[in-house]
Amino acid sequence: MHVARIGIIGSAGRMGQALAEAIAAAGDTLSGGIDKGGDPLALARVSDVLLDFSSPHALEANLDAAVAAGVGIVVGTTGLEERHHFLCDHAAEHTAVLQTGNTSLGVTLLAHLVREAAQRLGEDWDIEITETHHRMKVDAPSGTALLLGEAAATGRGIDLAANSARGRDGITGARVAGSIGFASLRGGSVAGDHTVHFLADNERISLSHLAENRAIFARGAVRAAQWLIGKGAGRYTMPQVLNL
């Protein structure tokens, strides 16, 4: 069995520490870790694959390092904007890139179920997504909430950006038919709770995932990294890791 050399970008934070523990538990090797000011290219050159859980502004340099070293990269950084996805697309022309708003295997399966439900239920079912995270989280909605929103939009065959409702306040009027709503709660030490609500007249369906600690994200990220090794250039997803 091949022992993977996995490098962590963003190693000093709580997620970085959880990743290091997950790499050891999987029997792989931590090839190194860097943080702000570190050299991603030097890390890439001694790694079989990179795990990037740093920050959006560091993404371009991290992708460039993966391309230059010819290694795959799993991007788990949240708060990405359109230009960051363009950067991922460009890097994927030269190396393997797996970008996701959530590396949990459970969330990956949840997104699959949400897409299936949205496709099969009629438009008279309203879709609302609620998420709760710890008080230190800086972006909202969470990357996972947006991932679930995209899954619902894909199931409905609509564009999420043009059909989402966020931050309702004041006299907003009646709910816009066909829209996908988001609500974000922040407080305490919650690792991440997400629920997708499907609401129709006289009945409701709720699909939920509750994260108890970061270990689940770390385990999923390491599994994704292992899967990505040896893959050709391209843009990959977590559902592919689970063969969904």
C-alpha atoms as a PDB file:
ATOM      1  CA  MET A   1       0.000   0.000   0.000  1.00  0.00           C
ATOM      2  CA  HIS A   2       1.396   3.380  -1.020  1.00  0.00           C
ATOM      3  CA  VAL A   3       2.043   5.785   1.851  1.00  0.00           C
ATOM      4  CA  ALA A   4       1.026   9.239   0.654  1.00  0.00           C
ATOM      5  CA  ARG A   5       3.067  12.345   1.411  1.00  0.00           C
ATOM      6  CA  ILE A   6       0.478  14.996   2.206  1.00  0.00           C
ATOM      7  CA  GLY A   7       1.314  18.666   2.710  1.00  0.00           C
ATOM      8  CA  ILE A   8      -0.927  21.057   4.652  1.00  0.00           C
ATOM      9  CA  ILE A   9      -1.343  24.715   3.727  1.00  0.00           C
ATOM     10  CA  GLY A  10      -2.832  26.410   6.777  1.00  0.00           C
ATOM     11  CA  SER A  11      -1.285  24.014   9.266  1.00  0.00           C
ATOM     12  CA  ALA A  12      -1.231  26.152  12.416  1.00  0.00           C
ATOM     13  CA  GLY A  13      -4.986  26.547  12.826  1.00  0.00           C
ATOM     14  CA  ARG A  14      -7.422  24.166  14.452  1.00  0.00           C
ATOM     15  CA  MET A  15      -8.291  22.605  11.115  1.00  0.00           C
ATOM     16  CA  GLY A  16      -4.615  22.199  10.277  1.00  0.00           C
ATOM     17  CA  GLN A  17      -4.053  20.318  13.512  1.00  0.00           C
ATOM     18  CA  ALA A  18      -7.055  18.081  12.828  1.00  0.00           C
ATOM     19  CA  LEU A  19      -5.672  17.354   9.352  1.00  0.00           C
ATOM     20  CA  ALA A  20      -2.290  16.352  10.788  1.00  0.00           C
ATOM     21  CA  GLU A  21      -4.010  13.930  13.163  1.00  0.00           C
ATOM     22  CA  ALA A  22      -6.128  12.485  10.350  1.00  0.00           C
ATOM     23  CA  ILE A  23      -3.056  11.988   8.137  1.00  0.00           C
ATOM     24  CA  ALA A  24      -1.330  10.061  10.918  1.00  0.00           C
ATOM     25  CA  ALA A  25      -4.455   8.000  11.634  1.00  0.00           C
ATOM     26  CA  ALA A  26      -4.677   7.057   7.958  1.00  0.00           C
ATOM     27  CA  GLY A  27      -1.091   5.782   8.000  1.00  0.00           C
ATOM     28  CA  ASP A  28       0.129   8.468   5.615  1.00  0.00           C
ATOM     29  CA  THR A  29       3.027  10.903   6.019  1.00  0.00           C
ATOM     30  CA  LEU A  30       2.791  14.606   6.792  1.00  0.00           C
ATOM     31  CA  SER A  31       5.309  16.036   4.333  1.00  0.00           C
ATOM     32  CA  GLY A  32       5.162  19.450   5.968  1.00  0.00           C
ATOM     33  CA  GLY A  33       2.953  22.374   6.799  1.00  0.00           C
ATOM     34  CA  ILE A  34       3.036  26.099   6.078  1.00  0.00           C
ATOM     35  CA  ASP A  35       1.051  29.169   7.011  1.00  0.00           C
ATOM     36  CA  LYS A  36       1.038  32.846   6.038  1.00  0.00           C
ATOM     37  CA  GLY A  37       4.471  33.734   4.705  1.00  0.00           C
ATOM     38  CA  GLY A  38       5.412  30.115   3.985  1.00  0.00           C
ATOM     39  CA  ASP A  39       6.583  28.813   0.615  1.00  0.00           C
ATOM     40  CA  PRO A  40       3.874  26.649  -0.995  1.00  0.00           C
ATOM     41  CA  LEU A  41       6.153  25.630  -3.868  1.00  0.00           C
ATOM     42  CA  ALA A  42       8.779  24.203  -1.517  1.00  0.00           C
ATOM     43  CA  LEU A  43       6.035  22.223   0.234  1.00  0.00           C
ATOM     44  CA  ALA A  44       4.560  21.023  -3.057  1.00  0.00           C
ATOM     45  CA  ARG A  45       7.928  19.696  -4.218  1.00  0.00           C
ATOM     46  CA  VAL A  46       8.152  17.275  -1.272  1.00  0.00           C
ATOM     47  CA  SER A  47       4.476  16.207  -1.387  1.00  0.00           C
ATOM     48  CA  ASP A  48       2.317  13.838  -3.411  1.00  0.00           C
ATOM     49  CA  VAL A  49      -0.711  16.045  -2.833  1.00  0.00           C
ATOM     50  CA  LEU A  50      -1.588  19.296  -1.043  1.00  0.00           C
ATOM     51  CA  LEU A  51      -4.438  20.139   1.333  1.00  0.00           C
ATOM     52  CA  ASP A  52      -5.276  23.859   1.271  1.00  0.00           C
ATOM     53  CA  PHE A  53      -7.322  25.147   4.202  1.00  0.00           C
ATOM     54  CA  SER A  54      -5.773  28.602   4.374  1.00  0.00           C
ATOM     55  CA  SER A  55      -7.495  31.745   3.040  1.00  0.00           C
ATOM     56  CA  PRO A  56      -8.965  32.954  -0.260  1.00  0.00           C
ATOM     57  CA  HIS A  57      -6.249  35.562  -0.839  1.00  0.00           C
ATOM     58  CA  ALA A  58      -3.570  32.827  -0.711  1.00  0.00           C
ATOM     59  CA  LEU A  59      -5.329  30.532  -3.173  1.00  0.00           C
ATOM     60  CA  GLU A  60      -3.673  31.782  -6.364  1.00  0.00           C
ATOM     61  CA  ALA A  61      -0.144  31.200  -5.051  1.00  0.00           C
ATOM     62  CA  ASN A  62      -1.110  27.778  -3.716  1.00  0.00           C
ATOM     63  CA  LEU A  63      -2.617  26.709  -7.040  1.00  0.00           C
ATOM     64  CA  ASP A  64       0.449  27.990  -8.886  1.00  0.00           C
ATOM     65  CA  ALA A  65       2.672  25.909  -6.599  1.00  0.00           C
ATOM     66  CA  ALA A  66       0.648  22.748  -7.241  1.00  0.00           C
ATOM     67  CA  VAL A  67       0.843  23.323 -10.989  1.00  0.00           C
ATOM     68  CA  ALA A  68       4.573  24.044 -10.919  1.00  0.00           C
ATOM     69  CA  ALA A  69       5.311  20.905  -8.880  1.00  0.00           C
ATOM     70  CA  GLY A  70       2.873  18.733 -10.823  1.00  0.00           C
ATOM     71  CA  VAL A  71       0.892  17.600  -7.763  1.00  0.00           C
ATOM     72  CA  GLY A  72      -2.813  17.571  -7.049  1.00  0.00           C
ATOM     73  CA  ILE A  73      -4.434  19.944  -4.582  1.00  0.00           C
ATOM     74  CA  VAL A  74      -7.568  19.666  -2.444  1.00  0.00           C
ATOM     75  CA  VAL A  75      -8.995  23.150  -1.813  1.00  0.00           C
ATOM     76  CA  GLY A  76     -11.188  23.242   1.271  1.00  0.00           C
ATOM     77  CA  THR A  77     -10.897  26.993   1.835  1.00  0.00           C
ATOM     78  CA  THR A  78     -14.311  28.671   2.110  1.00  0.00           C
ATOM     79  CA  GLY A  79     -15.397  32.215   1.309  1.00  0.00           C
ATOM     80  CA  LEU A  80     -14.318  31.870  -2.327  1.00  0.00           C
ATOM     81  CA  GLU A  81     -15.606  34.309  -4.932  1.00  0.00           C
ATOM     82  CA  GLU A  82     -16.146  33.913  -8.674  1.00  0.00           C
ATOM     83  CA  ARG A  83     -12.561  34.813  -9.535  1.00  0.00           C
ATOM     84  CA  HIS A  84     -11.276  32.082  -7.218  1.00  0.00           C
ATOM     85  CA  HIS A  85     -13.288  29.488  -9.107  1.00  0.00           C
ATOM     86  CA  PHE A  86     -11.815  30.855 -12.333  1.00  0.00           C
ATOM     87  CA  LEU A  87      -8.342  30.317 -10.826  1.00  0.00           C
ATOM     88  CA  CYS A  88      -9.273  26.738  -9.915  1.00  0.00           C
ATOM     89  CA  ASP A  89     -10.527  26.143 -13.462  1.00  0.00           C
ATOM     90  CA  HIS A  90      -7.283  27.495 -14.911  1.00  0.00           C
ATOM     91  CA  ALA A  91      -5.090  25.401 -12.597  1.00  0.00           C
ATOM     92  CA  ALA A  92      -7.185  22.318 -13.412  1.00  0.00           C
ATOM     93  CA  GLU A  93      -6.010  22.594 -17.021  1.00  0.00           C
ATOM     94  CA  HIS A  94      -2.557  21.582 -15.762  1.00  0.00           C
ATOM     95  CA  THR A  95      -3.036  19.495 -12.598  1.00  0.00           C
ATOM     96  CA  ALA A  96      -5.692  17.746 -10.518  1.00  0.00           C
ATOM     97  CA  VAL A  97      -7.815  20.166  -8.472  1.00  0.00           C
ATOM     98  CA  LEU A  98     -10.573  19.115  -6.081  1.00  0.00           C
ATOM     99  CA  GLN A  99     -12.384  22.144  -4.659  1.00  0.00           C
ATOM    100  CA  THR A 100     -15.269  21.830  -2.226  1.00  0.00           C
ATOM    101  CA  GLY A 101     -17.129  23.870   0.368  1.00  0.00           C
ATOM    102  CA  ASN A 102     -17.153  20.852   2.679  1.00  0.00           C
ATOM    103  CA  THR A 103     -14.969  17.737   2.843  1.00  0.00           C
ATOM    104  CA  SER A 104     -17.325  15.762   5.095  1.00  0.00           C
ATOM    105  CA  LEU A 105     -18.384  12.500   3.502  1.00  0.00           C
ATOM    106  CA  GLY A 106     -21.759  12.872   5.228  1.00  0.00           C
ATOM    107  CA  VAL A 107     -22.328  16.322   3.729  1.00  0.00           C
ATOM    108  CA  THR A 108     -21.314  14.983   0.327  1.00  0.00           C
ATOM    109  CA  LEU A 109     -24.046  12.363   0.577  1.00  0.00           C
ATOM    110  CA  LEU A 110     -26.497  14.966   1.919  1.00  0.00           C
ATOM    111  CA  ALA A 111     -25.926  17.165  -1.133  1.00  0.00           C
ATOM    112  CA  HIS A 112     -26.684  14.181  -3.349  1.00  0.00           C
ATOM    113  CA  LEU A 113     -29.975  13.594  -1.498  1.00  0.00           C
ATOM    114  CA  VAL A 114     -30.874  17.307  -1.685  1.00  0.00           C
ATOM    115  CA  ARG A 115     -30.358  17.346  -5.446  1.00  0.00           C
ATOM    116  CA  GLU A 116     -32.512  14.238  -5.823  1.00  0.00           C
ATOM    117  CA  ALA A 117     -35.285  15.679  -3.637  1.00  0.00           C
ATOM    118  CA  ALA A 118     -35.277  19.050  -5.407  1.00  0.00           C
ATOM    119  CA  GLN A 119     -35.508  17.322  -8.776  1.00  0.00           C
ATOM    120  CA  ARG A 120     -38.437  15.123  -7.799  1.00  0.00           C
ATOM    121  CA  LEU A 121     -40.510  17.539  -5.727  1.00  0.00           C
ATOM    122  CA  GLY A 122     -42.530  20.158  -7.574  1.00  0.00           C
ATOM    123  CA  GLU A 123     -41.922  23.898  -7.498  1.00  0.00           C
ATOM    124  CA  ASP A 124     -44.758  24.258  -4.999  1.00  0.00           C
ATOM    125  CA  TRP A 125     -42.233  22.972  -2.435  1.00  0.00           C
ATOM    126  CA  ASP A 126     -40.273  25.921  -1.015  1.00  0.00           C
ATOM    127  CA  ILE A 127     -36.593  25.358  -0.221  1.00  0.00           C
ATOM    128  CA  GLU A 128     -34.893  27.012   2.767  1.00  0.00           C
ATOM    129  CA  ILE A 129     -31.388  26.317   4.088  1.00  0.00           C
ATOM    130  CA  THR A 130     -30.363  27.039   7.673  1.00  0.00           C
ATOM    131  CA  GLU A 131     -26.831  26.769   9.051  1.00  0.00           C
ATOM    132  CA  THR A 132     -25.218  27.297  12.460  1.00  0.00           C
ATOM    133  CA  HIS A 133     -21.505  27.782  13.143  1.00  0.00           C
ATOM    134  CA  HIS A 134     -19.175  28.884  15.949  1.00  0.00           C
ATOM    135  CA  ARG A 135     -18.837  32.553  16.800  1.00  0.00           C
ATOM    136  CA  MET A 136     -15.426  32.881  15.080  1.00  0.00           C
ATOM    137  CA  LYS A 137     -16.593  31.989  11.554  1.00  0.00           C
ATOM    138  CA  VAL A 138     -16.126  34.986   9.254  1.00  0.00           C
ATOM    139  CA  ASP A 139     -18.169  34.096   6.132  1.00  0.00           C
ATOM    140  CA  ALA A 140     -21.903  33.644   5.666  1.00  0.00           C
ATOM    141  CA  PRO A 141     -23.673  31.735   4.299  1.00  0.00           C
ATOM    142  CA  SER A 142     -21.203  28.965   4.940  1.00  0.00           C
ATOM    143  CA  GLY A 143     -19.492  27.203   2.067  1.00  0.00           C
ATOM    144  CA  THR A 144     -21.499  24.121   2.949  1.00  0.00           C
ATOM    145  CA  ALA A 145     -24.804  26.010   2.826  1.00  0.00           C
ATOM    146  CA  LEU A 146     -23.897  27.312  -0.612  1.00  0.00           C
ATOM    147  CA  LEU A 147     -22.868  23.806  -1.691  1.00  0.00           C
ATOM    148  CA  LEU A 148     -26.289  22.534  -0.608  1.00  0.00           C
ATOM    149  CA  GLY A 149     -27.949  25.474  -2.331  1.00  0.00           C
ATOM    150  CA  GLU A 150     -26.160  24.631  -5.554  1.00  0.00           C
ATOM    151  CA  ALA A 151     -27.297  21.022  -5.196  1.00  0.00           C
ATOM    152  CA  ALA A 152     -30.905  22.171  -4.815  1.00  0.00           C
ATOM    153  CA  ALA A 153     -30.605  24.586  -7.730  1.00  0.00           C
ATOM    154  CA  THR A 154     -29.110  21.882  -9.926  1.00  0.00           C
ATOM    155  CA  GLY A 155     -31.988  19.580  -9.054  1.00  0.00           C
ATOM    156  CA  ARG A 156     -34.453  22.318  -9.981  1.00  0.00           C
ATOM    157  CA  GLY A 157     -32.546  23.257 -13.133  1.00  0.00           C
ATOM    158  CA  ILE A 158     -32.141  26.904 -12.076  1.00  0.00           C
ATOM    159  CA  ASP A 159     -29.275  29.313 -11.407  1.00  0.00           C
ATOM    160  CA  LEU A 160     -28.672  29.738  -7.671  1.00  0.00           C
ATOM    161  CA  ALA A 161     -27.305  33.289  -7.882  1.00  0.00           C
ATOM    162  CA  ALA A 162     -30.449  34.479  -9.650  1.00  0.00           C
ATOM    163  CA  ASN A 163     -32.823  32.594  -7.362  1.00  0.00           C
ATOM    164  CA  SER A 164     -31.485  32.959  -3.807  1.00  0.00           C
ATOM    165  CA  ALA A 165     -32.833  34.978  -0.902  1.00  0.00           C
ATOM    166  CA  ARG A 166     -30.542  36.056   1.936  1.00  0.00           C
ATOM    167  CA  GLY A 167     -30.796  38.254   4.989  1.00  0.00           C
ATOM    168  CA  ARG A 168     -34.529  38.948   5.031  1.00  0.00           C
ATOM    169  CA  ASP A 169     -35.321  41.976   7.180  1.00  0.00           C
ATOM    170  CA  GLY A 170     -38.236  44.349   7.473  1.00  0.00           C
ATOM    171  CA  ILE A 171     -41.252  44.333   5.161  1.00  0.00           C
ATOM    172  CA  THR A 172     -39.939  41.970   2.500  1.00  0.00           C
ATOM    173  CA  GLY A 173     -43.230  41.004   0.913  1.00  0.00           C
ATOM    174  CA  ALA A 174     -44.357  37.470   0.176  1.00  0.00           C
ATOM    175  CA  ARG A 175     -41.795  34.799  -0.514  1.00  0.00           C
ATOM    176  CA  VAL A 176     -40.687  34.732  -4.149  1.00  0.00           C
ATOM    177  CA  ALA A 177     -41.840  31.468  -5.721  1.00  0.00           C
ATOM    178  CA  GLY A 178     -38.979  29.179  -6.722  1.00  0.00           C
ATOM    179  CA  SER A 179     -36.349  30.984  -4.646  1.00  0.00           C
ATOM    180  CA  ILE A 180     -33.882  29.219  -2.332  1.00  0.00           C
ATOM    181  CA  GLY A 181     -33.567  30.914   1.039  1.00  0.00           C
ATOM    182  CA  PHE A 182     -30.573  31.042   3.388  1.00  0.00           C
ATOM    183  CA  ALA A 183     -30.366  31.831   7.101  1.00  0.00           C
ATOM    184  CA  SER A 184     -27.113  31.899   9.123  1.00  0.00           C
ATOM    185  CA  LEU A 185     -26.723  31.594  12.900  1.00  0.00           C
ATOM    186  CA  ARG A 186     -23.435  32.221  14.755  1.00  0.00           C
ATOM    187  CA  GLY A 187     -22.518  31.404  18.333  1.00  0.00           C
ATOM    188  CA  GLY A 188     -20.720  29.157  20.756  1.00  0.00           C
ATOM    189  CA  SER A 189     -18.415  26.439  19.479  1.00  0.00           C
ATOM    190  CA  VAL A 190     -20.691  24.727  16.916  1.00  0.00           C
ATOM    191  CA  ALA A 191     -18.572  22.922  14.341  1.00  0.00           C
ATOM    192  CA  GLY A 192     -21.323  23.115  11.725  1.00  0.00           C
ATOM    193  CA  ASP A 193     -25.024  22.232  11.537  1.00  0.00           C
ATOM    194  CA  HIS A 194     -26.914  22.350   8.238  1.00  0.00           C
ATOM    195  CA  THR A 195     -30.546  21.640   7.383  1.00  0.00           C
ATOM    196  CA  VAL A 196     -32.296  21.857   4.026  1.00  0.00           C
ATOM    197  CA  HIS A 197     -36.034  22.362   4.487  1.00  0.00           C
ATOM    198  CA  PHE A 198     -38.525  21.420   1.790  1.00  0.00           C
ATOM    199  CA  LEU A 199     -41.864  23.023   2.692  1.00  0.00           C
ATOM    200  CA  ALA A 200     -45.224  22.517   0.979  1.00  0.00           C
ATOM    201  CA  ASP A 201     -48.781  23.072   2.099  1.00  0.00           C
ATOM    202  CA  ASN A 202     -49.451  20.827   5.104  1.00  0.00           C
ATOM    203  CA  GLU A 203     -46.163  18.881   4.955  1.00  0.00           C
ATOM    204  CA  ARG A 204     -42.423  19.397   5.362  1.00  0.00           C
ATOM    205  CA  ILE A 205     -39.239  17.401   4.749  1.00  0.00           C
ATOM    206  CA  SER A 206     -35.970  18.285   6.480  1.00  0.00           C
ATOM    207  CA  LEU A 207     -32.584  16.829   5.528  1.00  0.00           C
ATOM    208  CA  SER A 208     -29.869  17.548   8.075  1.00  0.00           C
ATOM    209  CA  HIS A 209     -26.210  17.028   8.879  1.00  0.00           C
ATOM    210  CA  LEU A 210     -24.723  17.843  12.293  1.00  0.00           C
ATOM    211  CA  ALA A 211     -20.965  18.073  12.700  1.00  0.00           C
ATOM    212  CA  GLU A 212     -19.686  17.410  16.212  1.00  0.00           C
ATOM    213  CA  ASN A 213     -16.039  18.325  15.598  1.00  0.00           C
ATOM    214  CA  ARG A 214     -13.543  19.086  12.834  1.00  0.00           C
ATOM    215  CA  ALA A 215     -12.285  15.512  12.736  1.00  0.00           C
ATOM    216  CA  ILE A 216     -15.014  14.594  10.234  1.00  0.00           C
ATOM    217  CA  PHE A 217     -13.841  17.263   7.796  1.00  0.00           C
ATOM    218  CA  ALA A 218     -10.220  16.240   8.273  1.00  0.00           C
ATOM    219  CA  ARG A 219     -10.965  12.559   7.619  1.00  0.00           C
ATOM    220  CA  GLY A 220     -12.897  13.420   4.477  1.00  0.00           C
ATOM    221  CA  ALA A 221     -10.138  15.748   3.258  1.00  0.00           C
ATOM    222  CA  VAL A 222      -7.484  13.061   3.709  1.00  0.00           C
ATOM    223  CA  ARG A 223      -9.642  10.532   1.862  1.00  0.00           C
ATOM    224  CA  ALA A 224     -10.073  13.061  -0.961  1.00  0.00           C
ATOM    225  CA  ALA A 225      -6.313  13.665  -1.041  1.00  0.00           C
ATOM    226  CA  GLN A 226      -5.601   9.947  -1.247  1.00  0.00           C
ATOM    227  CA  TRP A 227      -8.128   9.594  -4.064  1.00  0.00           C
ATOM    228  CA  LEU A 228      -6.670  12.554  -5.991  1.00  0.00           C
ATOM    229  CA  ILE A 229      -3.121  11.181  -6.152  1.00  0.00           C
ATOM    230  CA  GLY A 230      -2.306   9.992  -9.656  1.00  0.00           C
ATOM    231  CA  LYS A 231      -5.352  11.646 -11.248  1.00  0.00           C
ATOM    232  CA  GLY A 232      -4.806  13.580 -14.464  1.00  0.00           C
ATOM    233  CA  ALA A 233      -5.353  17.305 -14.858  1.00  0.00           C
ATOM    234  CA  GLY A 234      -8.967  18.270 -14.254  1.00  0.00           C
ATOM    235  CA  ARG A 235     -11.525  19.693 -11.861  1.00  0.00           C
ATOM    236  CA  TYR A 236     -12.785  17.034  -9.452  1.00  0.00           C
ATOM    237  CA  THR A 237     -15.499  16.944  -6.784  1.00  0.00           C
ATOM    238  CA  MET A 238     -16.254  15.180  -3.507  1.00  0.00           C
ATOM    239  CA  PRO A 239     -19.135  13.159  -5.015  1.00  0.00           C
ATOM    240  CA  GLN A 240     -16.584  11.537  -7.319  1.00  0.00           C
ATOM    241  CA  VAL A 241     -14.630  10.423  -4.246  1.00  0.00           C
ATOM    242  CA  LEU A 242     -17.765   8.554  -3.118  1.00  0.00           C
ATOM    243  CA  ASN A 243     -18.567   7.441  -6.672  1.00  0.00           C
ATOM    244  CA  LEU A 244     -21.950   9.236  -6.587  1.00  0.00           C
END
